C-alpha atoms as a PDB file:
ATOM      1  CA  MET A   1     -83.591 -63.183-162.120  1.00  0.00           C
ATOM      2  CA  ARG A   2     -83.292 -66.682-163.545  1.00  0.00           C
ATOM      3  CA  ILE A   3     -84.546 -69.818-161.849  1.00  0.00           C
ATOM      4  CA  GLY A   4     -81.049 -70.881-160.713  1.00  0.00           C
ATOM      5  CA  GLU A   5     -80.460 -67.484-159.135  1.00  0.00           C
ATOM      6  CA  LEU A   6     -83.792 -67.664-157.336  1.00  0.00           C
ATOM      7  CA  ALA A   7     -82.963 -71.152-156.118  1.00  0.00           C
ATOM      8  CA  GLU A   8     -79.612 -69.965-154.782  1.00  0.00           C
ATOM      9  CA  ALA A   9     -81.137 -66.886-153.126  1.00  0.00           C
ATOM     10  CA  THR A  10     -83.842 -68.891-151.337  1.00  0.00           C
ATOM     11  CA  GLY A  11     -82.324 -72.310-150.733  1.00  0.00           C
ATOM     12  CA  ALA A  12     -85.129 -73.919-152.722  1.00  0.00           C
ATOM     13  CA  SER A  13     -84.306 -76.426-155.423  1.00  0.00           C
ATOM     14  CA  VAL A  14     -85.021 -75.629-159.054  1.00  0.00           C
ATOM     15  CA  ARG A  15     -87.419 -78.565-159.011  1.00  0.00           C
ATOM     16  CA  SER A  16     -89.298 -77.032-156.060  1.00  0.00           C
ATOM     17  CA  LEU A  17     -89.559 -73.695-157.821  1.00  0.00           C
ATOM     18  CA  ARG A  18     -91.052 -75.382-160.876  1.00  0.00           C
ATOM     19  CA  TYR A  19     -93.503 -77.183-158.587  1.00  0.00           C
ATOM     20  CA  TYR A  20     -94.500 -73.914-156.874  1.00  0.00           C
ATOM     21  CA  GLU A  21     -95.143 -72.414-160.271  1.00  0.00           C
ATOM     22  CA  LYS A  22     -97.207 -75.395-161.393  1.00  0.00           C
ATOM     23  CA  GLN A  23     -99.294 -75.098-158.202  1.00  0.00           C
ATOM     24  CA  GLY A  24     -99.937 -71.401-158.856  1.00  0.00           C
ATOM     25  CA  LEU A  25     -97.836 -70.272-155.907  1.00  0.00           C
ATOM     26  CA  LEU A  26     -95.164 -68.512-157.941  1.00  0.00           C
ATOM     27  CA  VAL A  27     -95.266 -66.582-161.208  1.00  0.00           C
ATOM     28  CA  SER A  28     -92.546 -66.116-163.790  1.00  0.00           C
ATOM     29  CA  GLU A  29     -92.208 -64.439-167.117  1.00  0.00           C
ATOM     30  CA  ARG A  30     -90.464 -66.122-170.039  1.00  0.00           C
ATOM     31  CA  SER A  31     -87.492 -64.695-171.868  1.00  0.00           C
ATOM     32  CA  SER A  32     -87.360 -64.768-175.668  1.00  0.00           C
ATOM     33  CA  SER A  33     -85.373 -67.997-175.343  1.00  0.00           C
ATOM     34  CA  GLY A  34     -88.015 -69.528-173.023  1.00  0.00           C
ATOM     35  CA  GLN A  35     -86.119 -69.206-169.739  1.00  0.00           C
ATOM     36  CA  ARG A  36     -88.089 -68.441-166.578  1.00  0.00           C
ATOM     37  CA  LEU A  37     -87.472 -64.954-165.249  1.00  0.00           C
ATOM     38  CA  TYR A  38     -88.594 -63.821-161.799  1.00  0.00           C
ATOM     39  CA  GLU A  39     -89.110 -60.406-160.264  1.00  0.00           C
ATOM     40  CA  PRO A  40     -86.978 -59.568-157.194  1.00  0.00           C
ATOM     41  CA  GLU A  41     -90.093 -59.992-154.971  1.00  0.00           C
ATOM     42  CA  ALA A  42     -90.062 -63.696-155.840  1.00  0.00           C
ATOM     43  CA  VAL A  43     -87.333 -64.220-153.227  1.00  0.00           C
ATOM     44  CA  GLU A  44     -89.663 -63.174-150.413  1.00  0.00           C
ATOM     45  CA  THR A  45     -92.550 -65.106-151.976  1.00  0.00           C
ATOM     46  CA  VAL A  46     -90.514 -68.323-152.065  1.00  0.00           C
ATOM     47  CA  ARG A  47     -89.344 -67.834-148.480  1.00  0.00           C
ATOM     48  CA  TRP A  48     -92.971 -67.374-147.419  1.00  0.00           C
ATOM     49  CA  ILE A  49     -94.074 -70.473-149.369  1.00  0.00           C
ATOM     50  CA  ARG A  50     -91.311 -72.564-147.774  1.00  0.00           C
ATOM     51  CA  MET A  51     -92.203 -71.315-144.298  1.00  0.00           C
ATOM     52  CA  MET A  52     -95.870 -72.197-144.822  1.00  0.00           C
ATOM     53  CA  LEU A  53     -94.993 -75.633-146.236  1.00  0.00           C
ATOM     54  CA  SER A  54     -92.649 -76.336-143.323  1.00  0.00           C
ATOM     55  CA  ALA A  55     -95.528 -75.554-140.957  1.00  0.00           C
ATOM     56  CA  GLY A  56     -97.573 -78.228-142.700  1.00  0.00           C
ATOM     57  CA  LEU A  57     -99.866 -76.114-144.840  1.00  0.00           C
ATOM     58  CA  PRO A  58    -100.777 -77.865-148.083  1.00  0.00           C
ATOM     59  CA  SER A  59     -99.991 -76.058-151.330  1.00  0.00           C
ATOM     60  CA  ARG A  60    -103.714 -75.664-152.093  1.00  0.00           C
ATOM     61  CA  ALA A  61    -104.177 -73.696-148.843  1.00  0.00           C
ATOM     62  CA  ILE A  62    -101.098 -71.592-149.578  1.00  0.00           C
ATOM     63  CA  ALA A  63    -102.443 -70.833-153.062  1.00  0.00           C
ATOM     64  CA  LYS A  64    -105.658 -69.503-151.509  1.00  0.00           C
ATOM     65  CA  LEU A  65    -103.790 -67.404-148.962  1.00  0.00           C
ATOM     66  CA  LYS A  66    -101.198 -65.883-151.250  1.00  0.00           C
ATOM     67  CA  ARG A  67    -103.825 -63.693-152.815  1.00  0.00           C
ATOM     68  CA  CYS A  68    -104.446 -61.996-149.443  1.00  0.00           C
ATOM     69  CA  ARG A  69    -102.595 -58.766-150.118  1.00  0.00           C
ATOM     70  CA  HIS A  70    -105.104 -56.252-148.740  1.00  0.00           C
ATOM     71  CA  ARG A  71    -107.712 -56.584-146.017  1.00  0.00           C
ATOM     72  CA  ASP A  72    -110.590 -55.687-148.330  1.00  0.00           C
ATOM     73  CA  GLU A  73    -109.614 -58.489-150.745  1.00  0.00           C
ATOM     74  CA  VAL A  74    -109.836 -61.318-148.189  1.00  0.00           C
ATOM     75  CA  THR A  75    -112.710 -63.697-148.888  1.00  0.00           C
ATOM     76  CA  ALA A  76    -114.688 -65.676-146.329  1.00  0.00           C
ATOM     77  CA  GLU A  77    -112.991 -68.829-147.643  1.00  0.00           C
ATOM     78  CA  GLN A  78    -109.540 -67.343-147.112  1.00  0.00           C
ATOM     79  CA  LYS A  79    -110.431 -66.253-143.577  1.00  0.00           C
ATOM     80  CA  ALA A  80    -111.706 -69.767-142.835  1.00  0.00           C
ATOM     81  CA  VAL A  81    -108.417 -71.248-144.115  1.00  0.00           C
ATOM     82  CA  LEU A  82    -106.442 -68.815-141.945  1.00  0.00           C
ATOM     83  CA  GLU A  83    -108.474 -69.706-138.864  1.00  0.00           C
ATOM     84  CA  ALA A  84    -108.287 -73.461-139.470  1.00  0.00           C
ATOM     85  CA  GLU A  85    -104.533 -73.444-140.094  1.00  0.00           C
ATOM     86  CA  ARG A  86    -103.910 -71.251-137.068  1.00  0.00           C
ATOM     87  CA  ALA A  87    -105.938 -73.630-134.870  1.00  0.00           C
ATOM     88  CA  ARG A  88    -104.054 -76.644-136.281  1.00  0.00           C
ATOM     89  CA  ILE A  89    -100.691 -75.026-135.581  1.00  0.00           C
ATOM     90  CA  ALA A  90    -101.768 -73.917-132.074  1.00  0.00           C
ATOM     91  CA  SER A  91    -102.633 -77.552-131.331  1.00  0.00           C
ATOM     92  CA  GLN A  92     -99.224 -78.672-132.591  1.00  0.00           C
ATOM     93  CA  VAL A  93     -97.536 -76.064-130.375  1.00  0.00           C
ATOM     94  CA  GLU A  94     -99.465 -77.391-127.351  1.00  0.00           C
ATOM     95  CA  ASN A  95     -98.440 -80.956-128.148  1.00  0.00           C
ATOM     96  CA  LEU A  96     -94.807 -80.026-128.688  1.00  0.00           C
ATOM     97  CA  THR A  97     -94.768 -78.050-125.443  1.00  0.00           C
ATOM     98  CA  ALA A  98     -96.124 -81.072-123.553  1.00  0.00           C
ATOM     99  CA  VAL A  99     -93.440 -83.298-125.101  1.00  0.00           C
ATOM    100  CA  ARG A 100     -90.722 -80.775-124.237  1.00  0.00           C
ATOM    101  CA  ASP A 101     -91.963 -80.573-120.655  1.00  0.00           C
ATOM    102  CA  ARG A 102     -91.958 -84.370-120.371  1.00  0.00           C
ATOM    103  CA  LEU A 103     -88.405 -84.524-121.735  1.00  0.00           C
ATOM    104  CA  ASP A 104     -87.332 -81.834-119.248  1.00  0.00           C
ATOM    105  CA  SER A 105     -88.802 -83.928-116.441  1.00  0.00           C
ATOM    106  CA  MET A 106     -87.020 -87.040-117.680  1.00  0.00           C
ATOM    107  CA  LEU A 107     -83.721 -85.160-117.880  1.00  0.00           C
ATOM    108  CA  ARG A 108     -84.128 -83.926-114.302  1.00  0.00           C
ATOM    109  CA  PHE A 109     -84.779 -87.531-113.223  1.00  0.00           C
ATOM    110  CA  VAL A 110     -81.730 -88.824-115.099  1.00  0.00           C
ATOM    111  CA  ASP A 111     -79.580 -86.037-113.634  1.00  0.00           C
ATOM    112  CA  GLY A 112     -80.825 -86.820-110.132  1.00  0.00           C
ATOM    113  CA  GLU A 113     -82.440 -83.435-109.679  1.00  0.00           C
ATOM    114  CA  PRO A 114     -85.513 -83.144-107.491  1.00  0.00           C
ATOM    115  CA  GLU A 115     -88.818 -82.720-109.284  1.00  0.00           C
ATOM    116  CA  PRO A 116     -90.568 -79.383-108.869  1.00  0.00           C
ATOM    117  CA  ARG A 117     -93.491 -79.508-106.414  1.00  0.00           C
ATOM    118  CA  GLY A 118     -96.505 -81.283-107.818  1.00  0.00           C
ATOM    119  CA  GLU A 119     -94.616 -82.916-110.693  1.00  0.00           C
ATOM    120  CA  ALA A 120     -94.408 -86.687-110.777  1.00  0.00           C
ATOM    121  CA  VAL A 121     -91.397 -88.721-111.822  1.00  0.00           C
ATOM    122  CA  PRO A 122     -91.891 -89.445-115.550  1.00  0.00           C
ATOM    123  CA  GLU A 123     -93.165 -92.936-116.326  1.00  0.00           C
ATOM    124  CA  ALA A 124     -90.682 -93.428-119.169  1.00  0.00           C
ATOM    125  CA  ALA A 125     -87.842 -92.824-116.748  1.00  0.00           C
ATOM    126  CA  HIS A 126     -88.770 -95.943-114.799  1.00  0.00           C
ATOM    127  CA  GLY A 127     -87.708 -97.978-117.823  1.00  0.00           C
END
């Protein structure tokens, strides 16, 4: 498939696809006229790249991880990247959960609902 078709299939811009290729995240062949051509699997690859980028992984980490196709091919460096990124994301999830819980508490306060036992009225709600 051509670059425009891949962009349409994945929601990525053509510019992003060129960037992914430049970073070694995506591979294309060239037609006789020089156009980029991608295998059908490129759709899933781009979706995976975009998911990893949206989670905050840098392209250099994604480039290291994309070569993890089989368990016996995973290097110690790749495993370390996986562990570090997982820990970073787990911390973000904890922080987001705490913010959500605080917002829930504030909404209960604003709506005049009683706080569950042991939960204080949120400071921000005091204005």
